[in-house]
Amino acid sequence: MRVIRKYANRRLYDTEQSRYVTLEDLRSLILEEEPFRVEDAKSGEDLTRTILLSIIIEQEQADGEAEVFSNDLLEQLIRVYAMSQPLPLARYLEQGTRLMLEQQKQMQDQWQQAMRHSPMELMRELAEENMRFWQNTIMHGGPGKEDDDKSS
């Protein structure tokens, strides 16, 4: 697991690559499914969760149209924390999000499969075959020309 150290100056240091990184770099690691742990450089305390929340906040602020956490949802989450016995929300959200991502991936795979066999794709493949045929015909002097050359 890759270790990222957070220093007092709030900079993040990737110990594997020996360089400073940004939250965007860590976001890229997440998208690449590269596991990492963020720890305080002095105490060794695990700060991963805090950094992940920072990445989410940065993402929410960067793209207003793709916000995941509406004000209403955030208010409801705060109410869950205030309950005397909070709901097991984390597990529910993890499973629901995992299911949603798997279904999204399946839909993308099915769409790509369907597009590969679409009429336009079939026409493209036929055009490529025709192009290869004509290139071979022009370069070799005709479809049967190779056989004539070999018999001479």
C-alpha atoms as a PDB file:
ATOM      1  CA  MET A   1       0.000   0.000   0.000  1.00  0.00           C
ATOM      2  CA  ARG A   2       1.323   3.404  -0.967  1.00  0.00           C
ATOM      3  CA  VAL A   3       2.062   5.697   1.984  1.00  0.00           C
ATOM      4  CA  ILE A   4       1.429   9.427   1.717  1.00  0.00           C
ATOM      5  CA  ARG A   5       2.795  11.613   4.497  1.00  0.00           C
ATOM      6  CA  LYS A   6       1.102  14.853   5.489  1.00  0.00           C
ATOM      7  CA  TYR A   7       3.418  17.467   6.923  1.00  0.00           C
ATOM      8  CA  ALA A   8       2.648  20.379   9.243  1.00  0.00           C
ATOM      9  CA  ASN A   9       2.792  22.746   6.265  1.00  0.00           C
ATOM     10  CA  ARG A  10      -0.208  20.783   4.883  1.00  0.00           C
ATOM     11  CA  ARG A  11       1.838  19.352   2.023  1.00  0.00           C
ATOM     12  CA  LEU A  12       1.392  15.730   1.025  1.00  0.00           C
ATOM     13  CA  TYR A  13       4.442  13.603   0.194  1.00  0.00           C
ATOM     14  CA  ASP A  14       4.261  10.353  -1.768  1.00  0.00           C
ATOM     15  CA  THR A  15       6.925   8.102  -0.228  1.00  0.00           C
ATOM     16  CA  GLU A  16       6.826   5.651  -3.153  1.00  0.00           C
ATOM     17  CA  GLN A  17       7.510   8.264  -5.827  1.00  0.00           C
ATOM     18  CA  SER A  18       9.554  10.586  -3.576  1.00  0.00           C
ATOM     19  CA  ARG A  19       7.617  13.691  -4.551  1.00  0.00           C
ATOM     20  CA  TYR A  20       4.983  16.061  -3.253  1.00  0.00           C
ATOM     21  CA  VAL A  21       1.437  15.407  -4.469  1.00  0.00           C
ATOM     22  CA  THR A  22      -1.852  17.264  -4.557  1.00  0.00           C
ATOM     23  CA  LEU A  23      -5.393  16.214  -3.726  1.00  0.00           C
ATOM     24  CA  GLU A  24      -5.931  15.873  -7.483  1.00  0.00           C
ATOM     25  CA  ASP A  25      -3.035  13.384  -7.635  1.00  0.00           C
ATOM     26  CA  LEU A  26      -4.655  11.376  -4.861  1.00  0.00           C
ATOM     27  CA  ARG A  27      -7.984  11.536  -6.689  1.00  0.00           C
ATOM     28  CA  SER A  28      -6.239  10.013  -9.706  1.00  0.00           C
ATOM     29  CA  LEU A  29      -4.909   7.184  -7.524  1.00  0.00           C
ATOM     30  CA  ILE A  30      -8.466   6.518  -6.359  1.00  0.00           C
ATOM     31  CA  LEU A  31      -9.764   6.433  -9.928  1.00  0.00           C
ATOM     32  CA  GLU A  32      -6.949   4.019 -10.827  1.00  0.00           C
ATOM     33  CA  GLU A  33      -7.940   1.938  -7.764  1.00  0.00           C
ATOM     34  CA  GLU A  34      -4.446   2.317  -6.323  1.00  0.00           C
ATOM     35  CA  PRO A  35      -4.641   1.813  -2.543  1.00  0.00           C
ATOM     36  CA  PHE A  36      -2.956   4.395  -0.340  1.00  0.00           C
ATOM     37  CA  ARG A  37      -2.842   5.529   3.253  1.00  0.00           C
ATOM     38  CA  VAL A  38      -2.296   9.107   4.376  1.00  0.00           C
ATOM     39  CA  GLU A  39      -0.514   9.497   7.673  1.00  0.00           C
ATOM     40  CA  ASP A  40       0.686  12.386   9.790  1.00  0.00           C
ATOM     41  CA  ALA A  41       4.447  12.753   9.247  1.00  0.00           C
ATOM     42  CA  LYS A  42       5.173  13.226  12.972  1.00  0.00           C
ATOM     43  CA  SER A  43       2.691  11.029  14.804  1.00  0.00           C
ATOM     44  CA  GLY A  44       1.912   8.420  12.139  1.00  0.00           C
ATOM     45  CA  GLU A  45      -1.813   8.979  12.780  1.00  0.00           C
ATOM     46  CA  ASP A  46      -4.042   7.759   9.932  1.00  0.00           C
ATOM     47  CA  LEU A  47      -5.455  10.811   8.139  1.00  0.00           C
ATOM     48  CA  THR A  48      -6.821   8.978   5.101  1.00  0.00           C
ATOM     49  CA  ARG A  49     -10.480   9.604   5.913  1.00  0.00           C
ATOM     50  CA  THR A  50      -9.914  13.334   6.397  1.00  0.00           C
ATOM     51  CA  ILE A  51      -8.048  13.575   3.093  1.00  0.00           C
ATOM     52  CA  LEU A  52     -10.774  11.609   1.279  1.00  0.00           C
ATOM     53  CA  LEU A  53     -13.380  14.018   2.644  1.00  0.00           C
ATOM     54  CA  SER A  54     -11.219  16.924   1.435  1.00  0.00           C
ATOM     55  CA  ILE A  55     -11.120  15.399  -2.040  1.00  0.00           C
ATOM     56  CA  ILE A  56     -14.917  15.115  -2.039  1.00  0.00           C
ATOM     57  CA  ILE A  57     -15.296  18.727  -0.897  1.00  0.00           C
ATOM     58  CA  GLU A  58     -12.906  19.898  -3.607  1.00  0.00           C
ATOM     59  CA  GLN A  59     -14.809  17.880  -6.213  1.00  0.00           C
ATOM     60  CA  GLU A  60     -18.166  19.250  -5.060  1.00  0.00           C
ATOM     61  CA  GLN A  61     -16.898  22.818  -5.297  1.00  0.00           C
ATOM     62  CA  ALA A  62     -15.154  22.345  -8.638  1.00  0.00           C
ATOM     63  CA  ASP A  63     -18.120  21.048 -10.582  1.00  0.00           C
ATOM     64  CA  GLY A  64     -21.399  22.618  -9.477  1.00  0.00           C
ATOM     65  CA  GLU A  65     -23.449  20.734 -12.069  1.00  0.00           C
ATOM     66  CA  ALA A  66     -22.244  17.319 -10.932  1.00  0.00           C
ATOM     67  CA  GLU A  67     -22.799  17.811  -7.231  1.00  0.00           C
ATOM     68  CA  VAL A  68     -23.616  14.640  -5.345  1.00  0.00           C
ATOM     69  CA  PHE A  69     -24.367  16.165  -1.975  1.00  0.00           C
ATOM     70  CA  SER A  70     -27.298  18.570  -2.111  1.00  0.00           C
ATOM     71  CA  ASN A  71     -27.948  20.828   0.863  1.00  0.00           C
ATOM     72  CA  ASP A  72     -30.911  18.654   1.805  1.00  0.00           C
ATOM     73  CA  LEU A  73     -28.812  15.481   1.782  1.00  0.00           C
ATOM     74  CA  LEU A  74     -26.079  17.119   3.857  1.00  0.00           C
ATOM     75  CA  GLU A  75     -28.655  18.287   6.409  1.00  0.00           C
ATOM     76  CA  GLN A  76     -30.054  14.758   6.627  1.00  0.00           C
ATOM     77  CA  LEU A  77     -26.569  13.322   7.161  1.00  0.00           C
ATOM     78  CA  ILE A  78     -25.992  15.800  10.002  1.00  0.00           C
ATOM     79  CA  ARG A  79     -29.261  14.634  11.578  1.00  0.00           C
ATOM     80  CA  VAL A  80     -28.083  11.013  11.368  1.00  0.00           C
ATOM     81  CA  TYR A  81     -24.970  11.947  13.374  1.00  0.00           C
ATOM     82  CA  ALA A  82     -27.192  13.596  15.992  1.00  0.00           C
ATOM     83  CA  MET A  83     -29.292  10.450  16.579  1.00  0.00           C
ATOM     84  CA  SER A  84     -28.769   8.679  19.905  1.00  0.00           C
ATOM     85  CA  GLN A  85     -28.104   5.488  17.948  1.00  0.00           C
ATOM     86  CA  PRO A  86     -27.038   6.441  14.431  1.00  0.00           C
ATOM     87  CA  LEU A  87     -28.240   4.268  11.599  1.00  0.00           C
ATOM     88  CA  PRO A  88     -25.736   1.857  10.016  1.00  0.00           C
ATOM     89  CA  LEU A  89     -25.647   4.301   7.133  1.00  0.00           C
ATOM     90  CA  ALA A  90     -22.035   3.745   6.084  1.00  0.00           C
ATOM     91  CA  ARG A  91     -22.574   0.108   5.128  1.00  0.00           C
ATOM     92  CA  TYR A  92     -25.813   0.923   3.318  1.00  0.00           C
ATOM     93  CA  LEU A  93     -24.183   3.740   1.343  1.00  0.00           C
ATOM     94  CA  GLU A  94     -21.120   1.604   0.521  1.00  0.00           C
ATOM     95  CA  GLN A  95     -23.229  -1.273  -0.785  1.00  0.00           C
ATOM     96  CA  GLY A  96     -25.613   1.006  -2.676  1.00  0.00           C
ATOM     97  CA  THR A  97     -22.769   2.939  -4.293  1.00  0.00           C
ATOM     98  CA  ARG A  98     -20.898  -0.260  -5.207  1.00  0.00           C
ATOM     99  CA  LEU A  99     -24.072  -1.659  -6.810  1.00  0.00           C
ATOM    100  CA  MET A 100     -24.684   1.587  -8.705  1.00  0.00           C
ATOM    101  CA  LEU A 101     -21.088   1.630 -10.033  1.00  0.00           C
ATOM    102  CA  GLU A 102     -21.286  -2.028 -11.100  1.00  0.00           C
ATOM    103  CA  GLN A 103     -24.569  -1.406 -12.924  1.00  0.00           C
ATOM    104  CA  GLN A 104     -23.099   1.674 -14.622  1.00  0.00           C
ATOM    105  CA  LYS A 105     -20.101  -0.387 -15.793  1.00  0.00           C
ATOM    106  CA  GLN A 106     -22.406  -3.134 -17.107  1.00  0.00           C
ATOM    107  CA  MET A 107     -24.489  -0.594 -19.008  1.00  0.00           C
ATOM    108  CA  GLN A 108     -21.361   0.955 -20.547  1.00  0.00           C
ATOM    109  CA  ASP A 109     -20.076  -2.494 -21.556  1.00  0.00           C
ATOM    110  CA  GLN A 110     -23.442  -3.406 -23.078  1.00  0.00           C
ATOM    111  CA  TRP A 111     -23.615  -0.090 -24.933  1.00  0.00           C
ATOM    112  CA  GLN A 112     -20.132  -0.595 -26.347  1.00  0.00           C
ATOM    113  CA  GLN A 113     -21.070  -4.141 -27.368  1.00  0.00           C
ATOM    114  CA  ALA A 114     -24.238  -2.880 -29.052  1.00  0.00           C
ATOM    115  CA  MET A 115     -22.339  -0.088 -30.814  1.00  0.00           C
ATOM    116  CA  ARG A 116     -19.780  -2.562 -32.077  1.00  0.00           C
ATOM    117  CA  HIS A 117     -22.542  -4.432 -33.873  1.00  0.00           C
ATOM    118  CA  SER A 118     -24.516  -1.408 -35.015  1.00  0.00           C
ATOM    119  CA  PRO A 119     -25.343  -0.892 -38.677  1.00  0.00           C
ATOM    120  CA  MET A 120     -22.832   1.958 -38.826  1.00  0.00           C
ATOM    121  CA  GLU A 121     -20.090  -0.252 -37.412  1.00  0.00           C
ATOM    122  CA  LEU A 122     -20.976  -2.991 -39.888  1.00  0.00           C
ATOM    123  CA  MET A 123     -20.763  -0.474 -42.741  1.00  0.00           C
ATOM    124  CA  ARG A 124     -17.389   0.730 -41.448  1.00  0.00           C
ATOM    125  CA  GLU A 125     -16.052  -2.831 -41.304  1.00  0.00           C
ATOM    126  CA  LEU A 126     -17.304  -3.519 -44.842  1.00  0.00           C
ATOM    127  CA  ALA A 127     -15.695  -0.314 -46.092  1.00  0.00           C
ATOM    128  CA  GLU A 128     -12.392  -1.339 -44.490  1.00  0.00           C
ATOM    129  CA  GLU A 129     -12.602  -4.782 -46.126  1.00  0.00           C
ATOM    130  CA  ASN A 130     -13.321  -3.172 -49.490  1.00  0.00           C
ATOM    131  CA  MET A 131     -10.395  -0.802 -49.018  1.00  0.00           C
ATOM    132  CA  ARG A 132      -8.042  -3.719 -48.228  1.00  0.00           C
ATOM    133  CA  PHE A 133      -9.323  -5.608 -51.286  1.00  0.00           C
ATOM    134  CA  TRP A 134      -8.720  -2.659 -53.593  1.00  0.00           C
ATOM    135  CA  GLN A 135      -5.330  -1.884 -52.081  1.00  0.00           C
ATOM    136  CA  ASN A 136      -4.264  -5.500 -52.621  1.00  0.00           C
ATOM    137  CA  THR A 137      -5.671  -5.448 -56.137  1.00  0.00           C
ATOM    138  CA  ILE A 138      -3.826  -2.267 -57.071  1.00  0.00           C
ATOM    139  CA  MET A 139      -0.561  -3.222 -55.337  1.00  0.00           C
ATOM    140  CA  HIS A 140      -0.443  -6.784 -56.684  1.00  0.00           C
ATOM    141  CA  GLY A 141      -2.016  -6.232 -60.090  1.00  0.00           C
ATOM    142  CA  GLY A 142      -5.288  -8.022 -59.433  1.00  0.00           C
ATOM    143  CA  PRO A 143      -6.751 -10.783 -57.267  1.00  0.00           C
ATOM    144  CA  GLY A 144      -5.308 -13.672 -59.324  1.00  0.00           C
ATOM    145  CA  LYS A 145      -2.066 -11.951 -60.297  1.00  0.00           C
ATOM    146  CA  GLU A 146      -0.074 -13.378 -57.362  1.00  0.00           C
ATOM    147  CA  ASP A 147      -0.817 -16.933 -58.526  1.00  0.00           C
ATOM    148  CA  ASP A 148       0.312 -16.059 -62.086  1.00  0.00           C
ATOM    149  CA  ASP A 149       3.571 -14.572 -60.757  1.00  0.00           C
ATOM    150  CA  LYS A 150       4.339 -17.725 -58.720  1.00  0.00           C
ATOM    151  CA  SER A 151       3.837 -20.082 -61.681  1.00  0.00           C
ATOM    152  CA  SER A 152       6.278 -18.166 -63.916  1.00  0.00           C
END
